[in-house]
Amino acid sequence: MDGFVTIAREGDVPEGTGATFSVDDRLVALFHTIDGYRAIDDLCPHMGASLGSGALEGTVVSCPWHAWRFDVCSGNWVDNPKLHVASHEVRLEGNEIQVRLKTEI
């Protein structure tokens, strides 16, 4: 087994938006950027808001509660890259969107 898990299908997350999925008891935010799909841990480290429901601009999502901004490709906090959330590998298999969770950040 290669560790990838199907979480959605193409079309489930419109381009320019994100959504949250549960994967192995972990919440993952999946984003559909102009360059494809990206996945990061869903919970903002500041106060625990769902990043999957935040506004996506390019490859940067803003936390809906306090506007902390994270790069959805790297998981880095835009204003201080020393703080980050885990980013996860994403692939398409047919029309299935699959992620492989990173165990360490």
PDB file of N, CA and C in Angstrom:
ATOM      1  N   MET A   1       0.843  -1.186   0.000  1.00  0.00           N
ATOM      2  CA  MET A   1       0.000   0.000   0.000  1.00  0.00           C
ATOM      3  C   MET A   1       0.882   1.241   0.000  1.00  0.00           C
ATOM      4  N   ASP A   2       0.528   2.233  -0.810  1.00  0.00           N
ATOM      5  CA  ASP A   2       1.375   3.417  -0.950  1.00  0.00           C
ATOM      6  C   ASP A   2       0.967   4.576  -0.045  1.00  0.00           C
ATOM      7  N   GLY A   3      -0.047   4.388   0.780  1.00  0.00           N
ATOM      8  CA  GLY A   3      -0.433   5.408   1.743  1.00  0.00           C
ATOM      9  C   GLY A   3      -1.400   6.457   1.240  1.00  0.00           C
ATOM     10  N   PHE A   4      -1.746   6.442  -0.041  1.00  0.00           N
ATOM     11  CA  PHE A   4      -2.701   7.413  -0.574  1.00  0.00           C
ATOM     12  C   PHE A   4      -4.130   6.990  -0.257  1.00  0.00           C
ATOM     13  N   VAL A   5      -4.971   7.977   0.065  1.00  0.00           N
ATOM     14  CA  VAL A   5      -6.370   7.740   0.406  1.00  0.00           C
ATOM     15  C   VAL A   5      -7.229   8.666  -0.453  1.00  0.00           C
ATOM     16  N   THR A   6      -8.277   8.127  -1.052  1.00  0.00           N
ATOM     17  CA  THR A   6      -9.207   8.947  -1.830  1.00  0.00           C
ATOM     18  C   THR A   6     -10.060   9.761  -0.875  1.00  0.00           C
ATOM     19  N   ILE A   7     -10.095  11.099  -1.107  1.00  0.00           N
ATOM     20  CA  ILE A   7     -10.909  11.960  -0.239  1.00  0.00           C
ATOM     21  C   ILE A   7     -12.015  12.686  -1.000  1.00  0.00           C
ATOM     22  N   ALA A   8     -11.867  12.783  -2.316  1.00  0.00           N
ATOM     23  CA  ALA A   8     -12.865  13.513  -3.111  1.00  0.00           C
ATOM     24  C   ALA A   8     -12.721  13.098  -4.565  1.00  0.00           C
ATOM     25  N   ARG A   9     -13.602  13.634  -5.382  1.00  0.00           N
ATOM     26  CA  ARG A   9     -13.537  13.433  -6.832  1.00  0.00           C
ATOM     27  C   ARG A   9     -13.399  14.791  -7.499  1.00  0.00           C
ATOM     28  N   GLU A  10     -12.817  14.791  -8.685  1.00  0.00           N
ATOM     29  CA  GLU A  10     -12.722  16.050  -9.436  1.00  0.00           C
ATOM     30  C   GLU A  10     -14.118  16.656  -9.543  1.00  0.00           C
ATOM     31  N   GLY A  11     -14.198  17.945  -9.338  1.00  0.00           N
ATOM     32  CA  GLY A  11     -15.478  18.633  -9.379  1.00  0.00           C
ATOM     33  C   GLY A  11     -16.094  18.847  -8.001  1.00  0.00           C
ATOM     34  N   ASP A  12     -15.648  18.082  -7.000  1.00  0.00           N
ATOM     35  CA  ASP A  12     -16.190  18.247  -5.647  1.00  0.00           C
ATOM     36  C   ASP A  12     -15.754  19.570  -5.015  1.00  0.00           C
ATOM     37  N   VAL A  13     -14.550  20.039  -5.368  1.00  0.00           N
ATOM     38  CA  VAL A  13     -14.013  21.291  -4.824  1.00  0.00           C
ATOM     39  C   VAL A  13     -13.762  22.216  -6.014  1.00  0.00           C
ATOM     40  N   PRO A  14     -14.614  23.217  -6.223  1.00  0.00           N
ATOM     41  CA  PRO A  14     -14.443  24.123  -7.362  1.00  0.00           C
ATOM     42  C   PRO A  14     -13.120  24.892  -7.292  1.00  0.00           C
ATOM     43  N   GLU A  15     -12.577  25.230  -8.444  1.00  0.00           N
ATOM     44  CA  GLU A  15     -11.336  25.994  -8.494  1.00  0.00           C
ATOM     45  C   GLU A  15     -11.491  27.296  -7.712  1.00  0.00           C
ATOM     46  N   GLY A  16     -10.460  27.621  -6.926  1.00  0.00           N
ATOM     47  CA  GLY A  16     -10.465  28.844  -6.129  1.00  0.00           C
ATOM     48  C   GLY A  16     -11.101  28.684  -4.759  1.00  0.00           C
ATOM     49  N   THR A  17     -11.406  27.436  -4.384  1.00  0.00           N
ATOM     50  CA  THR A  17     -12.023  27.185  -3.082  1.00  0.00           C
ATOM     51  C   THR A  17     -11.313  26.042  -2.359  1.00  0.00           C
ATOM     52  N   GLY A  18     -11.738  25.821  -1.131  1.00  0.00           N
ATOM     53  CA  GLY A  18     -11.225  24.721  -0.337  1.00  0.00           C
ATOM     54  C   GLY A  18     -12.361  23.983   0.334  1.00  0.00           C
ATOM     55  N   ALA A  19     -12.048  22.836   0.900  1.00  0.00           N
ATOM     56  CA  ALA A  19     -13.023  22.037   1.646  1.00  0.00           C
ATOM     57  C   ALA A  19     -12.255  21.184   2.646  1.00  0.00           C
ATOM     58  N   THR A  20     -12.948  20.743   3.660  1.00  0.00           N
ATOM     59  CA  THR A  20     -12.321  19.951   4.718  1.00  0.00           C
ATOM     60  C   THR A  20     -12.788  18.507   4.641  1.00  0.00           C
ATOM     61  N   PHE A  21     -11.837  17.591   4.838  1.00  0.00           N
ATOM     62  CA  PHE A  21     -12.123  16.161   4.802  1.00  0.00           C
ATOM     63  C   PHE A  21     -11.449  15.494   5.987  1.00  0.00           C
ATOM     64  N   SER A  22     -12.059  14.442   6.475  1.00  0.00           N
ATOM     65  CA  SER A  22     -11.484  13.654   7.553  1.00  0.00           C
ATOM     66  C   SER A  22     -10.707  12.492   6.941  1.00  0.00           C
ATOM     67  N   VAL A  23      -9.444  12.385   7.338  1.00  0.00           N
ATOM     68  CA  VAL A  23      -8.580  11.314   6.831  1.00  0.00           C
ATOM     69  C   VAL A  23      -7.871  10.688   8.032  1.00  0.00           C
ATOM     70  N   ASP A  24      -8.167   9.431   8.295  1.00  0.00           N
ATOM     71  CA  ASP A  24      -7.514   8.735   9.417  1.00  0.00           C
ATOM     72  C   ASP A  24      -7.557   9.553  10.703  1.00  0.00           C
ATOM     73  N   ASP A  25      -8.719  10.009  11.106  1.00  0.00           N
ATOM     74  CA  ASP A  25      -8.907  10.791  12.333  1.00  0.00           C
ATOM     75  C   ASP A  25      -8.155  12.118  12.332  1.00  0.00           C
ATOM     76  N   ARG A  26      -7.885  12.641  11.161  1.00  0.00           N
ATOM     77  CA  ARG A  26      -7.194  13.921  11.026  1.00  0.00           C
ATOM     78  C   ARG A  26      -7.992  14.775  10.045  1.00  0.00           C
ATOM     79  N   LEU A  27      -8.116  16.073  10.310  1.00  0.00           N
ATOM     80  CA  LEU A  27      -8.809  16.966   9.390  1.00  0.00           C
ATOM     81  C   LEU A  27      -7.810  17.561   8.410  1.00  0.00           C
ATOM     82  N   VAL A  28      -8.143  17.425   7.128  1.00  0.00           N
ATOM     83  CA  VAL A  28      -7.285  17.901   6.049  1.00  0.00           C
ATOM     84  C   VAL A  28      -8.060  18.899   5.201  1.00  0.00           C
ATOM     85  N   ALA A  29      -7.434  20.031   4.909  1.00  0.00           N
ATOM     86  CA  ALA A  29      -8.034  21.036   4.030  1.00  0.00           C
ATOM     87  C   ALA A  29      -7.488  20.816   2.624  1.00  0.00           C
ATOM     88  N   LEU A  30      -8.385  20.599   1.682  1.00  0.00           N
ATOM     89  CA  LEU A  30      -8.022  20.400   0.281  1.00  0.00           C
ATOM     90  C   LEU A  30      -8.404  21.660  -0.487  1.00  0.00           C
ATOM     91  N   PHE A  31      -7.463  22.185  -1.271  1.00  0.00           N
ATOM     92  CA  PHE A  31      -7.695  23.399  -2.046  1.00  0.00           C
ATOM     93  C   PHE A  31      -7.507  23.117  -3.522  1.00  0.00           C
ATOM     94  N   HIS A  32      -8.346  23.740  -4.342  1.00  0.00           N
ATOM     95  CA  HIS A  32      -8.237  23.625  -5.791  1.00  0.00           C
ATOM     96  C   HIS A  32      -7.684  24.953  -6.309  1.00  0.00           C
ATOM     97  N   THR A  33      -6.385  24.987  -6.568  1.00  0.00           N
ATOM     98  CA  THR A  33      -5.729  26.184  -7.079  1.00  0.00           C
ATOM     99  C   THR A  33      -5.679  26.118  -8.602  1.00  0.00           C
ATOM    100  N   ILE A  34      -5.243  27.198  -9.209  1.00  0.00           N
ATOM    101  CA  ILE A  34      -5.114  27.223 -10.667  1.00  0.00           C
ATOM    102  C   ILE A  34      -4.115  26.166 -11.146  1.00  0.00           C
ATOM    103  N   ASP A  35      -3.170  25.782 -10.272  1.00  0.00           N
ATOM    104  CA  ASP A  35      -2.147  24.795 -10.620  1.00  0.00           C
ATOM    105  C   ASP A  35      -2.508  23.373 -10.207  1.00  0.00           C
ATOM    106  N   GLY A  36      -3.702  23.187  -9.656  1.00  0.00           N
ATOM    107  CA  GLY A  36      -4.107  21.853  -9.241  1.00  0.00           C
ATOM    108  C   GLY A  36      -4.540  21.817  -7.791  1.00  0.00           C
ATOM    109  N   TYR A  37      -4.505  20.640  -7.208  1.00  0.00           N
ATOM    110  CA  TYR A  37      -4.978  20.440  -5.855  1.00  0.00           C
ATOM    111  C   TYR A  37      -3.816  20.457  -4.865  1.00  0.00           C
ATOM    112  N   ARG A  38      -4.059  21.050  -3.694  1.00  0.00           N
ATOM    113  CA  ARG A  38      -3.075  21.122  -2.611  1.00  0.00           C
ATOM    114  C   ARG A  38      -3.787  20.758  -1.315  1.00  0.00           C
ATOM    115  N   ALA A  39      -3.046  20.182  -0.369  1.00  0.00           N
ATOM    116  CA  ALA A  39      -3.649  19.795   0.905  1.00  0.00           C
ATOM    117  C   ALA A  39      -2.726  20.168   2.062  1.00  0.00           C
ATOM    118  N   ILE A  40      -3.346  20.700   3.123  1.00  0.00           N
ATOM    119  CA  ILE A  40      -2.637  21.028   4.355  1.00  0.00           C
ATOM    120  C   ILE A  40      -3.518  20.592   5.527  1.00  0.00           C
ATOM    121  N   ASP A  41      -2.940  20.558   6.727  1.00  0.00           N
ATOM    122  CA  ASP A  41      -3.766  20.322   7.908  1.00  0.00           C
ATOM    123  C   ASP A  41      -4.818  21.412   7.981  1.00  0.00           C
ATOM    124  N   ASP A  42      -5.998  21.054   8.438  1.00  0.00           N
ATOM    125  CA  ASP A  42      -7.131  21.969   8.406  1.00  0.00           C
ATOM    126  C   ASP A  42      -7.136  23.001   9.525  1.00  0.00           C
ATOM    127  N   LEU A  43      -6.618  22.691  10.680  1.00  0.00           N
ATOM    128  CA  LEU A  43      -6.787  23.567  11.829  1.00  0.00           C
ATOM    129  C   LEU A  43      -5.689  24.632  11.920  1.00  0.00           C
ATOM    130  N   CYS A  44      -6.124  25.886  12.014  1.00  0.00           N
ATOM    131  CA  CYS A  44      -5.187  26.993  12.192  1.00  0.00           C
ATOM    132  C   CYS A  44      -4.535  26.854  13.569  1.00  0.00           C
ATOM    133  N   PRO A  45      -3.206  26.970  13.649  1.00  0.00           N
ATOM    134  CA  PRO A  45      -2.535  26.816  14.937  1.00  0.00           C
ATOM    135  C   PRO A  45      -2.808  27.956  15.919  1.00  0.00           C
ATOM    136  N   HIS A  46      -3.368  29.036  15.458  1.00  0.00           N
ATOM    137  CA  HIS A  46      -3.645  30.180  16.334  1.00  0.00           C
ATOM    138  C   HIS A  46      -4.799  29.889  17.287  1.00  0.00           C
ATOM    139  N   MET A  47      -5.984  29.583  16.733  1.00  0.00           N
ATOM    140  CA  MET A  47      -7.165  29.358  17.565  1.00  0.00           C
ATOM    141  C   MET A  47      -8.009  28.163  17.105  1.00  0.00           C
ATOM    142  N   GLY A  48      -7.517  27.403  16.138  1.00  0.00           N
ATOM    143  CA  GLY A  48      -8.197  26.182  15.735  1.00  0.00           C
ATOM    144  C   GLY A  48      -9.295  26.312  14.696  1.00  0.00           C
ATOM    145  N   ALA A  49      -9.367  27.448  14.000  1.00  0.00           N
ATOM    146  CA  ALA A  49     -10.380  27.606  12.950  1.00  0.00           C
ATOM    147  C   ALA A  49     -10.080  26.677  11.780  1.00  0.00           C
ATOM    148  N   SER A  50     -11.103  26.375  10.999  1.00  0.00           N
ATOM    149  CA  SER A  50     -10.956  25.523   9.827  1.00  0.00           C
ATOM    150  C   SER A  50     -10.384  26.317   8.659  1.00  0.00           C
ATOM    151  N   LEU A  51      -9.176  25.952   8.221  1.00  0.00           N
ATOM    152  CA  LEU A  51      -8.562  26.628   7.075  1.00  0.00           C
ATOM    153  C   LEU A  51      -9.287  26.265   5.780  1.00  0.00           C
ATOM    154  N   GLY A  52      -9.906  25.097   5.732  1.00  0.00           N
ATOM    155  CA  GLY A  52     -10.639  24.679   4.539  1.00  0.00           C
ATOM    156  C   GLY A  52     -11.799  25.588   4.198  1.00  0.00           C
ATOM    157  N   SER A  53     -12.284  26.346   5.173  1.00  0.00           N
ATOM    158  CA  SER A  53     -13.389  27.276   4.915  1.00  0.00           C
ATOM    159  C   SER A  53     -12.897  28.702   4.702  1.00  0.00           C
ATOM    160  N   GLY A  54     -11.575  28.889   4.684  1.00  0.00           N
ATOM    161  CA  GLY A  54     -11.011  30.224   4.488  1.00  0.00           C
ATOM    162  C   GLY A  54     -11.013  30.647   3.030  1.00  0.00           C
ATOM    163  N   ALA A  55     -10.830  31.938   2.811  1.00  0.00           N
ATOM    164  CA  ALA A  55     -10.769  32.484   1.451  1.00  0.00           C
ATOM    165  C   ALA A  55      -9.422  32.151   0.825  1.00  0.00           C
ATOM    166  N   LEU A  56      -9.458  31.632  -0.397  1.00  0.00           N
ATOM    167  CA  LEU A  56      -8.252  31.261  -1.128  1.00  0.00           C
ATOM    168  C   LEU A  56      -7.972  32.310  -2.188  1.00  0.00           C
ATOM    169  N   GLU A  57      -6.741  32.838  -2.161  1.00  0.00           N
ATOM    170  CA  GLU A  57      -6.297  33.796  -3.170  1.00  0.00           C
ATOM    171  C   GLU A  57      -4.985  33.292  -3.738  1.00  0.00           C
ATOM    172  N   GLY A  58      -5.028  32.781  -4.962  1.00  0.00           N
ATOM    173  CA  GLY A  58      -3.843  32.151  -5.544  1.00  0.00           C
ATOM    174  C   GLY A  58      -3.542  30.871  -4.796  1.00  0.00           C
ATOM    175  N   THR A  59      -2.406  30.857  -4.093  1.00  0.00           N
ATOM    176  CA  THR A  59      -2.048  29.689  -3.281  1.00  0.00           C
ATOM    177  C   THR A  59      -1.996  30.045  -1.797  1.00  0.00           C
ATOM    178  N   VAL A  60      -2.672  31.123  -1.420  1.00  0.00           N
ATOM    179  CA  VAL A  60      -2.688  31.558  -0.017  1.00  0.00           C
ATOM    180  C   VAL A  60      -4.121  31.521   0.507  1.00  0.00           C
ATOM    181  N   VAL A  61      -4.298  30.826   1.640  1.00  0.00           N
ATOM    182  CA  VAL A  61      -5.607  30.782   2.294  1.00  0.00           C
ATOM    183  C   VAL A  61      -5.543  31.647   3.546  1.00  0.00           C
ATOM    184  N   SER A  62      -6.616  32.386   3.790  1.00  0.00           N
ATOM    185  CA  SER A  62      -6.727  33.210   4.991  1.00  0.00           C
ATOM    186  C   SER A  62      -7.633  32.524   5.994  1.00  0.00           C
ATOM    187  N   CYS A  63      -7.162  32.418   7.220  1.00  0.00           N
ATOM    188  CA  CYS A  63      -7.973  31.847   8.281  1.00  0.00           C
ATOM    189  C   CYS A  63      -9.236  32.690   8.430  1.00  0.00           C
ATOM    190  N   PRO A  64     -10.415  32.055   8.481  1.00  0.00           N
ATOM    191  CA  PRO A  64     -11.667  32.816   8.547  1.00  0.00           C
ATOM    192  C   PRO A  64     -11.878  33.554   9.865  1.00  0.00           C
ATOM    193  N   TRP A  65     -11.159  33.218  10.918  1.00  0.00           N
ATOM    194  CA  TRP A  65     -11.360  33.886  12.202  1.00  0.00           C
ATOM    195  C   TRP A  65     -10.472  35.102  12.393  1.00  0.00           C
ATOM    196  N   HIS A  66      -9.175  34.982  12.128  1.00  0.00           N
ATOM    197  CA  HIS A  66      -8.251  36.078  12.441  1.00  0.00           C
ATOM    198  C   HIS A  66      -7.310  36.418  11.288  1.00  0.00           C
ATOM    199  N   ALA A  67      -7.608  35.906  10.100  1.00  0.00           N
ATOM    200  CA  ALA A  67      -6.903  36.250   8.861  1.00  0.00           C
ATOM    201  C   ALA A  67      -5.428  35.862   8.830  1.00  0.00           C
ATOM    202  N   TRP A  68      -5.019  34.884   9.633  1.00  0.00           N
ATOM    203  CA  TRP A  68      -3.667  34.361   9.465  1.00  0.00           C
ATOM    204  C   TRP A  68      -3.626  33.706   8.082  1.00  0.00           C
ATOM    205  N   ARG A  69      -2.558  33.932   7.349  1.00  0.00           N
ATOM    206  CA  ARG A  69      -2.472  33.465   5.964  1.00  0.00           C
ATOM    207  C   ARG A  69      -1.429  32.356   5.833  1.00  0.00           C
ATOM    208  N   PHE A  70      -1.832  31.275   5.155  1.00  0.00           N
ATOM    209  CA  PHE A  70      -0.956  30.125   4.961  1.00  0.00           C
ATOM    210  C   PHE A  70      -0.830  29.794   3.482  1.00  0.00           C
ATOM    211  N   ASP A  71       0.393  29.466   3.065  1.00  0.00           N
ATOM    212  CA  ASP A  71       0.642  28.997   1.709  1.00  0.00           C
ATOM    213  C   ASP A  71       0.168  27.550   1.628  1.00  0.00           C
ATOM    214  N   VAL A  72      -0.760  27.245   0.738  1.00  0.00           N
ATOM    215  CA  VAL A  72      -1.327  25.898   0.669  1.00  0.00           C
ATOM    216  C   VAL A  72      -0.375  24.897   0.018  1.00  0.00           C
ATOM    217  N   CYS A  73       0.714  25.371  -0.589  1.00  0.00           N
ATOM    218  CA  CYS A  73       1.707  24.467  -1.176  1.00  0.00           C
ATOM    219  C   CYS A  73       2.689  23.960  -0.114  1.00  0.00           C
ATOM    220  N   SER A  74       3.148  24.868   0.749  1.00  0.00           N
ATOM    221  CA  SER A  74       4.158  24.511   1.748  1.00  0.00           C
ATOM    222  C   SER A  74       3.593  24.359   3.152  1.00  0.00           C
ATOM    223  N   GLY A  75       2.450  24.973   3.429  1.00  0.00           N
ATOM    224  CA  GLY A  75       1.904  24.999   4.780  1.00  0.00           C
ATOM    225  C   GLY A  75       2.466  26.124   5.632  1.00  0.00           C
ATOM    226  N   ASN A  76       3.383  26.920   5.081  1.00  0.00           N
ATOM    227  CA  ASN A  76       4.013  27.999   5.844  1.00  0.00           C
ATOM    228  C   ASN A  76       3.057  29.155   6.091  1.00  0.00           C
ATOM    229  N   TRP A  77       3.169  29.743   7.278  1.00  0.00           N
ATOM    230  CA  TRP A  77       2.465  30.973   7.596  1.00  0.00           C
ATOM    231  C   TRP A  77       3.151  32.060   6.791  1.00  0.00           C
ATOM    232  N   VAL A  78       2.410  32.799   6.001  1.00  0.00           N
ATOM    233  CA  VAL A  78       2.975  33.784   5.075  1.00  0.00           C
ATOM    234  C   VAL A  78       3.754  34.871   5.810  1.00  0.00           C
ATOM    235  N   ASP A  79       3.286  35.274   6.995  1.00  0.00           N
ATOM    236  CA  ASP A  79       3.926  36.368   7.715  1.00  0.00           C
ATOM    237  C   ASP A  79       5.124  35.947   8.554  1.00  0.00           C
ATOM    238  N   ASN A  80       5.317  34.654   8.745  1.00  0.00           N
ATOM    239  CA  ASN A  80       6.472  34.144   9.480  1.00  0.00           C
ATOM    240  C   ASN A  80       6.623  32.658   9.178  1.00  0.00           C
ATOM    241  N   PRO A  81       7.457  32.301   8.200  1.00  0.00           N
ATOM    242  CA  PRO A  81       7.561  30.898   7.775  1.00  0.00           C
ATOM    243  C   PRO A  81       8.101  29.933   8.840  1.00  0.00           C
ATOM    244  N   LYS A  82       8.486  30.460  10.011  1.00  0.00           N
ATOM    245  CA  LYS A  82       8.897  29.560  11.091  1.00  0.00           C
ATOM    246  C   LYS A  82       7.699  28.810  11.668  1.00  0.00           C
ATOM    247  N   LEU A  83       6.500  29.352  11.454  1.00  0.00           N
ATOM    248  CA  LEU A  83       5.271  28.695  11.894  1.00  0.00           C
ATOM    249  C   LEU A  83       4.597  28.093  10.668  1.00  0.00           C
ATOM    250  N   HIS A  84       4.123  26.860  10.808  1.00  0.00           N
ATOM    251  CA  HIS A  84       3.486  26.214   9.664  1.00  0.00           C
ATOM    252  C   HIS A  84       2.561  25.093  10.119  1.00  0.00           C
ATOM    253  N   VAL A  85       1.761  24.657   9.176  1.00  0.00           N
ATOM    254  CA  VAL A  85       0.958  23.449   9.335  1.00  0.00           C
ATOM    255  C   VAL A  85       1.502  22.436   8.328  1.00  0.00           C
ATOM    256  N   ALA A  86       1.215  21.182   8.554  1.00  0.00           N
ATOM    257  CA  ALA A  86       1.713  20.146   7.640  1.00  0.00           C
ATOM    258  C   ALA A  86       1.060  20.278   6.267  1.00  0.00           C
ATOM    259  N   SER A  87       1.866  20.085   5.245  1.00  0.00           N
ATOM    260  CA  SER A  87       1.334  19.982   3.884  1.00  0.00           C
ATOM    261  C   SER A  87       1.400  18.512   3.489  1.00  0.00           C
ATOM    262  N   HIS A  88       0.470  18.097   2.630  1.00  0.00           N
ATOM    263  CA  HIS A  88       0.356  16.684   2.282  1.00  0.00           C
ATOM    264  C   HIS A  88       0.416  16.499   0.769  1.00  0.00           C
ATOM    265  N   GLU A  89       0.951  15.367   0.362  1.00  0.00           N
ATOM    266  CA  GLU A  89       1.057  15.043  -1.057  1.00  0.00           C
ATOM    267  C   GLU A  89      -0.332  14.743  -1.623  1.00  0.00           C
ATOM    268  N   VAL A  90      -0.598  15.272  -2.811  1.00  0.00           N
ATOM    269  CA  VAL A  90      -1.891  15.066  -3.482  1.00  0.00           C
ATOM    270  C   VAL A  90      -1.630  14.513  -4.872  1.00  0.00           C
ATOM    271  N   ARG A  91      -2.478  13.592  -5.307  1.00  0.00           N
ATOM    272  CA  ARG A  91      -2.399  13.086  -6.676  1.00  0.00           C
ATOM    273  C   ARG A  91      -3.802  12.804  -7.193  1.00  0.00           C
ATOM    274  N   LEU A  92      -3.908  12.771  -8.518  1.00  0.00           N
ATOM    275  CA  LEU A  92      -5.148  12.382  -9.190  1.00  0.00           C
ATOM    276  C   LEU A  92      -4.973  10.975  -9.739  1.00  0.00           C
ATOM    277  N   GLU A  93      -5.931  10.128  -9.450  1.00  0.00           N
ATOM    278  CA  GLU A  93      -5.982   8.784 -10.026  1.00  0.00           C
ATOM    279  C   GLU A  93      -7.329   8.691 -10.723  1.00  0.00           C
ATOM    280  N   GLY A  94      -7.312   8.813 -12.052  1.00  0.00           N
ATOM    281  CA  GLY A  94      -8.576   8.911 -12.775  1.00  0.00           C
ATOM    282  C   GLY A  94      -9.238  10.205 -12.366  1.00  0.00           C
ATOM    283  N   ASN A  95     -10.444  10.125 -11.819  1.00  0.00           N
ATOM    284  CA  ASN A  95     -11.099  11.352 -11.341  1.00  0.00           C
ATOM    285  C   ASN A  95     -11.104  11.432  -9.809  1.00  0.00           C
ATOM    286  N   GLU A  96     -10.327  10.563  -9.161  1.00  0.00           N
ATOM    287  CA  GLU A  96     -10.240  10.564  -7.705  1.00  0.00           C
ATOM    288  C   GLU A  96      -9.081  11.440  -7.232  1.00  0.00           C
ATOM    289  N   ILE A  97      -9.368  12.274  -6.218  1.00  0.00           N
ATOM    290  CA  ILE A  97      -8.336  13.092  -5.593  1.00  0.00           C
ATOM    291  C   ILE A  97      -7.875  12.332  -4.355  1.00  0.00           C
ATOM    292  N   GLN A  98      -6.575  12.054  -4.317  1.00  0.00           N
ATOM    293  CA  GLN A  98      -6.025  11.263  -3.229  1.00  0.00           C
ATOM    294  C   GLN A  98      -4.952  12.043  -2.499  1.00  0.00           C
ATOM    295  N   VAL A  99      -4.845  11.812  -1.193  1.00  0.00           N
ATOM    296  CA  VAL A  99      -3.797  12.431  -0.380  1.00  0.00           C
ATOM    297  C   VAL A  99      -3.019  11.365   0.369  1.00  0.00           C
ATOM    298  N   ARG A 100      -1.763  11.691   0.616  1.00  0.00           N
ATOM    299  CA  ARG A 100      -0.933  10.872   1.512  1.00  0.00           C
ATOM    300  C   ARG A 100      -0.491  11.799   2.632  1.00  0.00           C
ATOM    301  N   LEU A 101      -0.908  11.466   3.848  1.00  0.00           N
ATOM    302  CA  LEU A 101      -0.626  12.317   4.988  1.00  0.00           C
ATOM    303  C   LEU A 101       0.848  12.287   5.357  1.00  0.00           C
ATOM    304  N   LYS A 102       1.344  13.456   5.666  1.00  0.00           N
ATOM    305  CA  LYS A 102       2.696  13.585   6.192  1.00  0.00           C
ATOM    306  C   LYS A 102       2.590  13.397   7.694  1.00  0.00           C
ATOM    307  N   THR A 103       3.452  12.574   8.257  1.00  0.00           N
ATOM    308  CA  THR A 103       3.363  12.310   9.686  1.00  0.00           C
ATOM    309  C   THR A 103       4.108  13.354  10.513  1.00  0.00           C
ATOM    310  N   GLU A 104       5.081  14.018   9.904  1.00  0.00           N
ATOM    311  CA  GLU A 104       5.821  15.069  10.611  1.00  0.00           C
ATOM    312  C   GLU A 104       5.771  16.334   9.772  1.00  0.00           C
ATOM    313  N   ILE A 105       5.837  17.491  10.432  1.00  0.00           N
ATOM    314  CA  ILE A 105       5.801  18.744   9.698  1.00  0.00           C
ATOM    315  C   ILE A 105       7.185  19.180   9.320  1.00  0.00           C
TER     316      ILE A 105
END
